[in-house]
N, C-alpha and C. Protein backbone atom coordinates (compact mmCIF):
# COMPACT_ATOMS: atom_id res chain seq x y z
N MET A 1 28.56 -165.49 41.84
CA MET A 1 28.96 -164.25 41.26
C MET A 1 28.00 -163.22 41.84
N LYS A 2 28.47 -162.03 42.19
CA LYS A 2 27.59 -161.06 42.73
C LYS A 2 27.64 -159.76 41.84
N ASP A 3 26.58 -158.82 42.21
CA ASP A 3 26.62 -157.77 41.51
C ASP A 3 27.35 -156.74 42.35
N ASN A 4 27.28 -155.29 41.84
CA ASN A 4 27.85 -154.40 42.67
C ASN A 4 27.27 -154.01 43.90
N ARG A 5 26.05 -154.50 44.30
CA ARG A 5 25.46 -154.35 45.60
C ARG A 5 25.61 -155.49 46.47
N GLY A 6 26.55 -156.49 45.99
CA GLY A 6 26.78 -157.81 46.76
C GLY A 6 25.59 -158.77 46.68
N GLN A 7 24.74 -158.62 45.79
CA GLN A 7 23.63 -159.66 45.54
C GLN A 7 24.10 -160.58 44.74
N LEU A 8 23.69 -161.78 44.95
CA LEU A 8 23.94 -163.08 44.18
C LEU A 8 23.30 -162.86 42.79
N CYS A 9 24.05 -162.97 41.74
CA CYS A 9 23.25 -162.81 40.43
C CYS A 9 23.40 -164.14 39.44
N TYR A 10 24.62 -164.74 39.76
CA TYR A 10 25.01 -165.97 38.94
C TYR A 10 25.70 -166.98 39.84
N GLN A 11 25.44 -168.21 39.59
CA GLN A 11 26.22 -169.38 40.25
C GLN A 11 26.53 -170.30 39.33
N VAL A 12 27.98 -170.89 39.49
CA VAL A 12 28.43 -171.73 38.56
C VAL A 12 28.53 -173.05 39.20
N GLU A 13 28.05 -174.12 38.65
CA GLU A 13 28.26 -175.40 39.31
C GLU A 13 28.96 -176.28 38.01
N GLY A 14 30.01 -177.13 38.61
CA GLY A 14 30.86 -177.79 37.47
C GLY A 14 30.90 -179.35 37.96
N SER A 15 31.03 -180.05 37.05
CA SER A 15 31.37 -181.53 37.17
C SER A 15 32.78 -181.57 37.70
N VAL A 16 33.13 -182.47 38.62
CA VAL A 16 34.35 -182.77 39.15
C VAL A 16 35.08 -183.94 38.70
N PHE A 17 34.34 -185.05 38.41
CA PHE A 17 34.98 -186.37 38.27
C PHE A 17 34.63 -186.94 36.91
N LYS A 18 34.27 -186.19 35.81
CA LYS A 18 34.03 -186.35 34.45
C LYS A 18 35.07 -186.21 33.59
N TRP A 19 35.17 -187.06 32.50
CA TRP A 19 36.32 -186.83 31.51
C TRP A 19 36.00 -185.54 30.71
N PHE A 20 34.81 -185.43 30.46
CA PHE A 20 34.37 -184.14 29.76
C PHE A 20 33.82 -183.05 30.75
N LYS A 21 34.70 -182.13 31.18
CA LYS A 21 34.42 -181.05 32.05
C LYS A 21 33.18 -180.15 31.67
N ASN A 22 32.03 -180.07 32.48
CA ASN A 22 31.03 -179.19 32.19
C ASN A 22 30.64 -178.35 33.24
N PHE A 23 30.15 -177.11 32.99
CA PHE A 23 29.88 -176.04 33.84
C PHE A 23 28.32 -175.63 33.56
N GLU A 24 27.47 -175.53 34.46
CA GLU A 24 26.17 -174.77 34.30
C GLU A 24 26.10 -173.58 35.02
N ILE A 25 25.62 -172.69 34.42
CA ILE A 25 25.66 -171.24 34.91
C ILE A 25 24.00 -170.95 35.16
N HIS A 26 23.91 -170.78 36.48
CA HIS A 26 22.38 -170.40 36.94
C HIS A 26 22.29 -168.96 37.30
N ASN A 27 20.99 -168.39 37.04
CA ASN A 27 20.78 -167.23 37.37
C ASN A 27 20.24 -167.12 38.84
N ALA A 28 20.16 -165.87 39.36
CA ALA A 28 19.81 -165.79 40.70
C ALA A 28 18.50 -166.55 40.88
N GLY A 29 17.57 -166.93 40.07
CA GLY A 29 16.27 -167.59 40.35
C GLY A 29 16.69 -169.17 40.41
N GLY A 30 17.92 -169.51 39.99
CA GLY A 30 18.30 -171.02 39.91
C GLY A 30 18.12 -171.51 38.51
N LYS A 31 17.88 -170.80 37.61
CA LYS A 31 17.35 -171.39 36.10
C LYS A 31 18.86 -171.53 35.48
N VAL A 32 18.94 -172.61 34.77
CA VAL A 32 20.24 -172.85 33.94
C VAL A 32 20.14 -171.64 32.71
N VAL A 33 21.19 -170.70 32.68
CA VAL A 33 21.15 -169.94 31.41
C VAL A 33 22.16 -170.22 30.46
N SER A 34 23.04 -170.88 30.85
CA SER A 34 24.18 -171.38 29.98
C SER A 34 24.97 -172.57 30.46
N THR A 35 25.65 -173.23 29.39
CA THR A 35 26.26 -174.59 29.78
C THR A 35 27.74 -174.49 28.96
N ILE A 36 28.71 -174.80 29.52
CA ILE A 36 30.09 -174.75 28.99
C ILE A 36 30.52 -176.10 29.20
N GLN A 37 30.99 -176.72 28.00
CA GLN A 37 31.65 -177.94 28.08
C GLN A 37 33.02 -177.95 27.39
N ARG A 38 33.97 -178.61 28.15
CA ARG A 38 35.36 -178.80 27.58
C ARG A 38 35.45 -180.05 26.96
N LYS A 39 35.93 -180.24 25.79
CA LYS A 39 35.82 -181.55 24.92
C LYS A 39 37.31 -181.78 24.82
N PHE A 40 37.78 -183.11 24.74
CA PHE A 40 39.14 -183.48 24.60
C PHE A 40 39.24 -184.21 23.53
N SER A 41 40.41 -184.15 22.84
CA SER A 41 40.91 -185.28 22.05
C SER A 41 42.25 -185.83 22.45
N TRP A 42 42.85 -186.70 21.86
CA TRP A 42 44.08 -187.33 22.43
C TRP A 42 45.19 -186.36 22.35
N PHE A 43 45.19 -185.47 21.52
CA PHE A 43 46.25 -184.43 21.45
C PHE A 43 46.09 -183.18 22.03
N ASN A 44 44.86 -182.63 22.23
CA ASN A 44 44.60 -181.21 22.82
C ASN A 44 43.27 -180.99 23.17
N SER A 45 42.88 -180.05 23.89
CA SER A 45 41.69 -179.67 24.38
C SER A 45 40.96 -178.87 23.13
N ARG A 46 39.79 -178.80 22.94
CA ARG A 46 39.08 -177.93 22.04
C ARG A 46 37.91 -177.23 22.68
N TYR A 47 37.99 -176.13 22.40
CA TYR A 47 36.92 -175.13 22.85
C TYR A 47 35.97 -174.55 21.72
N GLU A 48 34.76 -174.53 22.04
CA GLU A 48 33.82 -173.88 20.77
C GLU A 48 32.87 -172.98 21.57
N ILE A 49 32.73 -171.75 20.88
CA ILE A 49 31.78 -170.76 21.23
C ILE A 49 31.14 -170.64 20.01
N GLU A 50 29.77 -171.09 20.00
CA GLU A 50 28.79 -171.36 18.88
C GLU A 50 27.85 -170.18 18.93
N ASN A 51 27.51 -169.35 17.72
CA ASN A 51 26.32 -168.79 17.57
C ASN A 51 26.16 -167.45 18.42
N LEU A 52 27.33 -166.98 18.67
CA LEU A 52 27.31 -165.60 19.55
C LEU A 52 26.98 -164.49 18.70
N ALA A 53 27.55 -164.50 17.51
CA ALA A 53 27.37 -163.31 16.61
C ALA A 53 28.13 -162.09 17.38
N LEU A 54 28.90 -162.08 18.04
CA LEU A 54 29.62 -161.09 18.95
C LEU A 54 30.97 -160.90 18.28
N GLU A 55 31.53 -159.78 18.45
CA GLU A 55 32.92 -159.26 18.13
C GLU A 55 33.57 -158.97 19.40
N VAL A 56 34.79 -159.42 19.52
CA VAL A 56 35.73 -158.86 20.71
C VAL A 56 36.68 -157.92 20.31
N LEU A 57 36.72 -156.91 20.86
CA LEU A 57 37.58 -155.69 20.65
C LEU A 57 38.32 -155.52 21.94
N GLY A 58 39.68 -155.72 21.79
CA GLY A 58 40.66 -155.61 22.90
C GLY A 58 41.61 -156.59 23.18
N ASP A 59 42.05 -156.77 24.44
CA ASP A 59 42.90 -157.78 24.69
C ASP A 59 42.19 -159.00 25.47
N PHE A 60 41.90 -159.95 24.46
CA PHE A 60 41.10 -161.10 25.02
C PHE A 60 41.69 -161.95 26.14
N TRP A 61 42.99 -162.09 25.96
CA TRP A 61 43.69 -163.00 27.20
C TRP A 61 44.00 -162.38 28.26
N ASP A 62 44.13 -160.94 28.22
CA ASP A 62 44.47 -160.30 29.45
C ASP A 62 43.16 -159.76 30.10
N MET A 63 42.07 -160.10 29.41
CA MET A 63 40.64 -159.82 29.95
C MET A 63 40.43 -158.42 30.10
N LYS A 64 40.78 -157.77 29.14
CA LYS A 64 40.27 -156.25 28.92
C LYS A 64 39.96 -156.06 27.54
N PHE A 65 38.51 -156.24 27.40
CA PHE A 65 38.06 -156.15 26.03
C PHE A 65 36.49 -155.71 26.21
N ASP A 66 36.06 -155.26 25.06
CA ASP A 66 34.59 -154.89 24.72
C ASP A 66 34.08 -156.01 23.97
N LEU A 67 32.71 -156.27 24.09
CA LEU A 67 31.97 -157.12 23.18
C LEU A 67 30.87 -156.30 22.38
N LEU A 68 31.08 -156.45 21.11
CA LEU A 68 30.22 -155.80 20.32
C LEU A 68 29.33 -156.57 19.54
N HIS A 69 27.91 -156.20 19.27
CA HIS A 69 27.00 -156.62 18.41
C HIS A 69 26.67 -155.83 17.49
N ASN A 70 26.98 -156.12 16.10
CA ASN A 70 26.72 -155.27 15.01
C ASN A 70 27.35 -153.85 15.07
N GLY A 71 28.55 -153.84 15.68
CA GLY A 71 29.38 -152.57 15.93
C GLY A 71 28.94 -151.78 17.11
N VAL A 72 28.02 -152.22 17.76
CA VAL A 72 27.55 -151.53 18.98
C VAL A 72 28.07 -152.31 20.25
N THR A 73 28.82 -151.51 21.24
CA THR A 73 29.35 -152.12 22.58
C THR A 73 28.21 -152.52 23.40
N ILE A 74 28.21 -153.87 23.66
CA ILE A 74 27.01 -154.43 24.64
C ILE A 74 27.59 -154.77 25.82
N ALA A 75 29.00 -154.87 26.13
CA ALA A 75 29.60 -155.19 27.39
C ALA A 75 31.05 -154.73 27.32
N ARG A 76 31.51 -154.62 28.58
CA ARG A 76 32.82 -154.25 28.84
C ARG A 76 33.47 -155.11 29.96
N ILE A 77 34.57 -155.82 29.75
CA ILE A 77 35.09 -156.83 30.74
C ILE A 77 36.55 -156.28 31.10
N ASP A 78 36.80 -156.18 32.30
CA ASP A 78 38.22 -155.72 33.00
C ASP A 78 38.48 -156.67 34.03
N GLN A 79 39.65 -157.29 34.00
CA GLN A 79 40.03 -158.07 35.23
C GLN A 79 40.69 -157.28 36.07
N GLU A 80 40.31 -157.44 37.37
CA GLU A 80 40.83 -156.77 38.43
C GLU A 80 42.14 -157.48 39.05
N TRP A 81 43.23 -156.96 38.83
CA TRP A 81 44.69 -157.49 39.21
C TRP A 81 44.82 -157.37 40.68
N PHE A 82 45.73 -158.11 41.17
CA PHE A 82 46.32 -158.04 42.58
C PHE A 82 45.29 -158.45 43.56
N ARG A 83 44.46 -159.69 43.22
CA ARG A 83 43.50 -160.16 43.96
C ARG A 83 43.78 -161.68 44.13
N MET A 84 43.27 -162.24 45.20
CA MET A 84 43.71 -163.76 45.63
C MET A 84 42.87 -164.54 44.70
N THR A 85 41.74 -164.07 44.14
CA THR A 85 40.81 -165.03 43.29
C THR A 85 40.70 -164.33 41.96
N SER A 86 40.32 -164.87 41.03
CA SER A 86 40.00 -164.19 39.82
C SER A 86 38.69 -163.32 39.86
N THR A 87 38.98 -161.96 39.65
CA THR A 87 37.98 -160.88 39.83
C THR A 87 37.77 -160.11 38.61
N TYR A 88 36.67 -159.82 38.22
CA TYR A 88 36.43 -159.12 36.87
C TYR A 88 35.28 -157.95 37.23
N GLN A 89 35.71 -156.94 36.52
CA GLN A 89 34.58 -155.88 36.38
C GLN A 89 33.93 -156.05 35.18
N VAL A 90 32.60 -156.65 35.12
CA VAL A 90 31.78 -156.81 33.87
C VAL A 90 30.73 -155.75 33.99
N THR A 91 30.58 -154.95 32.95
CA THR A 91 29.66 -153.98 32.54
C THR A 91 28.85 -154.37 31.47
N VAL A 92 27.54 -154.56 31.70
CA VAL A 92 26.78 -155.15 30.44
C VAL A 92 25.86 -153.92 30.16
N TYR A 93 25.87 -153.49 29.01
CA TYR A 93 25.03 -152.19 28.64
C TYR A 93 23.68 -152.65 28.00
N GLU A 94 23.57 -153.94 27.55
CA GLU A 94 22.39 -154.24 26.88
C GLU A 94 21.96 -155.74 27.70
N ASP A 95 20.86 -155.69 28.65
CA ASP A 95 20.51 -156.91 29.40
C ASP A 95 20.41 -158.08 28.60
N ALA A 96 20.08 -158.09 27.48
CA ALA A 96 19.75 -159.40 26.74
C ALA A 96 21.03 -160.07 26.48
N TYR A 97 22.12 -159.43 26.70
CA TYR A 97 23.45 -160.18 26.51
C TYR A 97 24.16 -160.54 27.79
N ALA A 98 23.51 -160.31 29.02
CA ALA A 98 24.07 -160.46 30.36
C ALA A 98 24.58 -162.04 30.40
N ASP A 99 23.71 -162.92 30.17
CA ASP A 99 23.95 -164.18 30.50
C ASP A 99 25.04 -164.82 29.47
N VAL A 100 25.05 -164.42 28.20
CA VAL A 100 26.18 -165.00 27.36
C VAL A 100 27.53 -164.12 27.78
N THR A 101 27.48 -162.85 28.17
CA THR A 101 28.60 -162.20 28.73
C THR A 101 29.37 -162.92 29.94
N ILE A 102 28.44 -163.27 30.87
CA ILE A 102 28.99 -164.11 31.94
C ILE A 102 29.56 -165.33 31.56
N ALA A 103 28.95 -166.25 30.83
CA ALA A 103 29.43 -167.44 30.31
C ALA A 103 30.79 -167.37 29.56
N LEU A 104 30.98 -166.18 28.73
CA LEU A 104 32.07 -166.09 28.15
C LEU A 104 33.21 -165.73 29.00
N VAL A 105 33.04 -165.00 29.90
CA VAL A 105 34.19 -164.72 31.02
C VAL A 105 34.59 -165.86 31.76
N ILE A 106 33.60 -166.66 32.21
CA ILE A 106 33.99 -167.96 32.88
C ILE A 106 34.57 -169.11 31.95
N ALA A 107 34.08 -169.05 30.67
CA ALA A 107 34.89 -169.85 29.93
C ALA A 107 36.38 -169.58 29.69
N ILE A 108 36.49 -168.30 29.34
CA ILE A 108 37.93 -167.75 29.20
C ILE A 108 38.76 -167.92 30.27
N ASP A 109 38.27 -167.57 31.69
CA ASP A 109 39.00 -167.69 32.81
C ASP A 109 39.23 -169.17 33.24
N TYR A 110 38.36 -170.10 32.81
CA TYR A 110 38.72 -171.41 32.90
C TYR A 110 39.92 -171.99 32.06
N VAL A 111 39.85 -171.71 30.77
CA VAL A 111 40.90 -171.87 29.96
C VAL A 111 42.27 -171.31 30.42
N LYS A 112 42.18 -170.06 30.82
CA LYS A 112 43.61 -169.45 31.27
C LYS A 112 43.98 -170.29 32.54
N GLU A 113 43.08 -170.59 33.41
CA GLU A 113 43.55 -171.59 34.62
C GLU A 113 44.07 -172.92 34.25
N ILE A 114 43.55 -173.32 33.26
CA ILE A 114 44.02 -174.79 32.76
C ILE A 114 45.48 -174.56 32.22
N GLN A 115 45.65 -173.45 31.45
CA GLN A 115 47.03 -173.30 30.75
C GLN A 115 47.92 -172.91 31.69
N ARG A 116 47.68 -172.11 32.79
CA ARG A 116 48.40 -171.79 33.92
C ARG A 116 49.01 -173.03 34.68
N ALA A 117 47.95 -173.91 34.97
CA ALA A 117 48.36 -175.16 35.70
C ALA A 117 49.23 -175.94 34.91
N ALA A 118 49.01 -176.03 33.60
CA ALA A 118 49.89 -176.93 32.65
C ALA A 118 51.33 -176.24 32.61
N ALA A 119 51.40 -175.02 32.75
CA ALA A 119 52.71 -174.27 32.48
C ALA A 119 53.46 -174.57 33.94
N ASN A 120 52.76 -174.50 34.88
CA ASN A 120 53.33 -174.71 36.24
C ASN A 120 53.88 -176.10 36.39
N ALA A 121 53.06 -177.05 35.99
CA ALA A 121 53.36 -178.57 36.10
C ALA A 121 54.71 -178.80 35.17
N ALA A 122 54.79 -178.07 34.06
CA ALA A 122 55.85 -178.39 33.09
C ALA A 122 57.13 -177.91 33.79
N THR A 123 57.05 -176.84 34.68
CA THR A 123 58.45 -176.37 35.27
C THR A 123 58.81 -176.92 36.64
């Protein structure tokens, strides 16, 4: 992931051949700042976002929403449409929430992609 100047600021690495899908999000310095894990049951997938203490205001699934902490907007996420790949405009107003905001966007995008693939396979 790059910032508005084209500088690498995050990199996502994921497991390919594991039953439990994992993603690690690294900052520009290579440090792991977040981990996302997809857990399965025999009936459906389960996703957990723990201990964020954040409120989502807006359209979560269409990726146009604000993140709030104690009623204060800390980030704004807008999906850019008509692109070949998933592209988002992410504005973080409080640097302390940058890592969790990026992790949340990646997790939501992944869930949406899994659902899209399942819907396409069913037709």
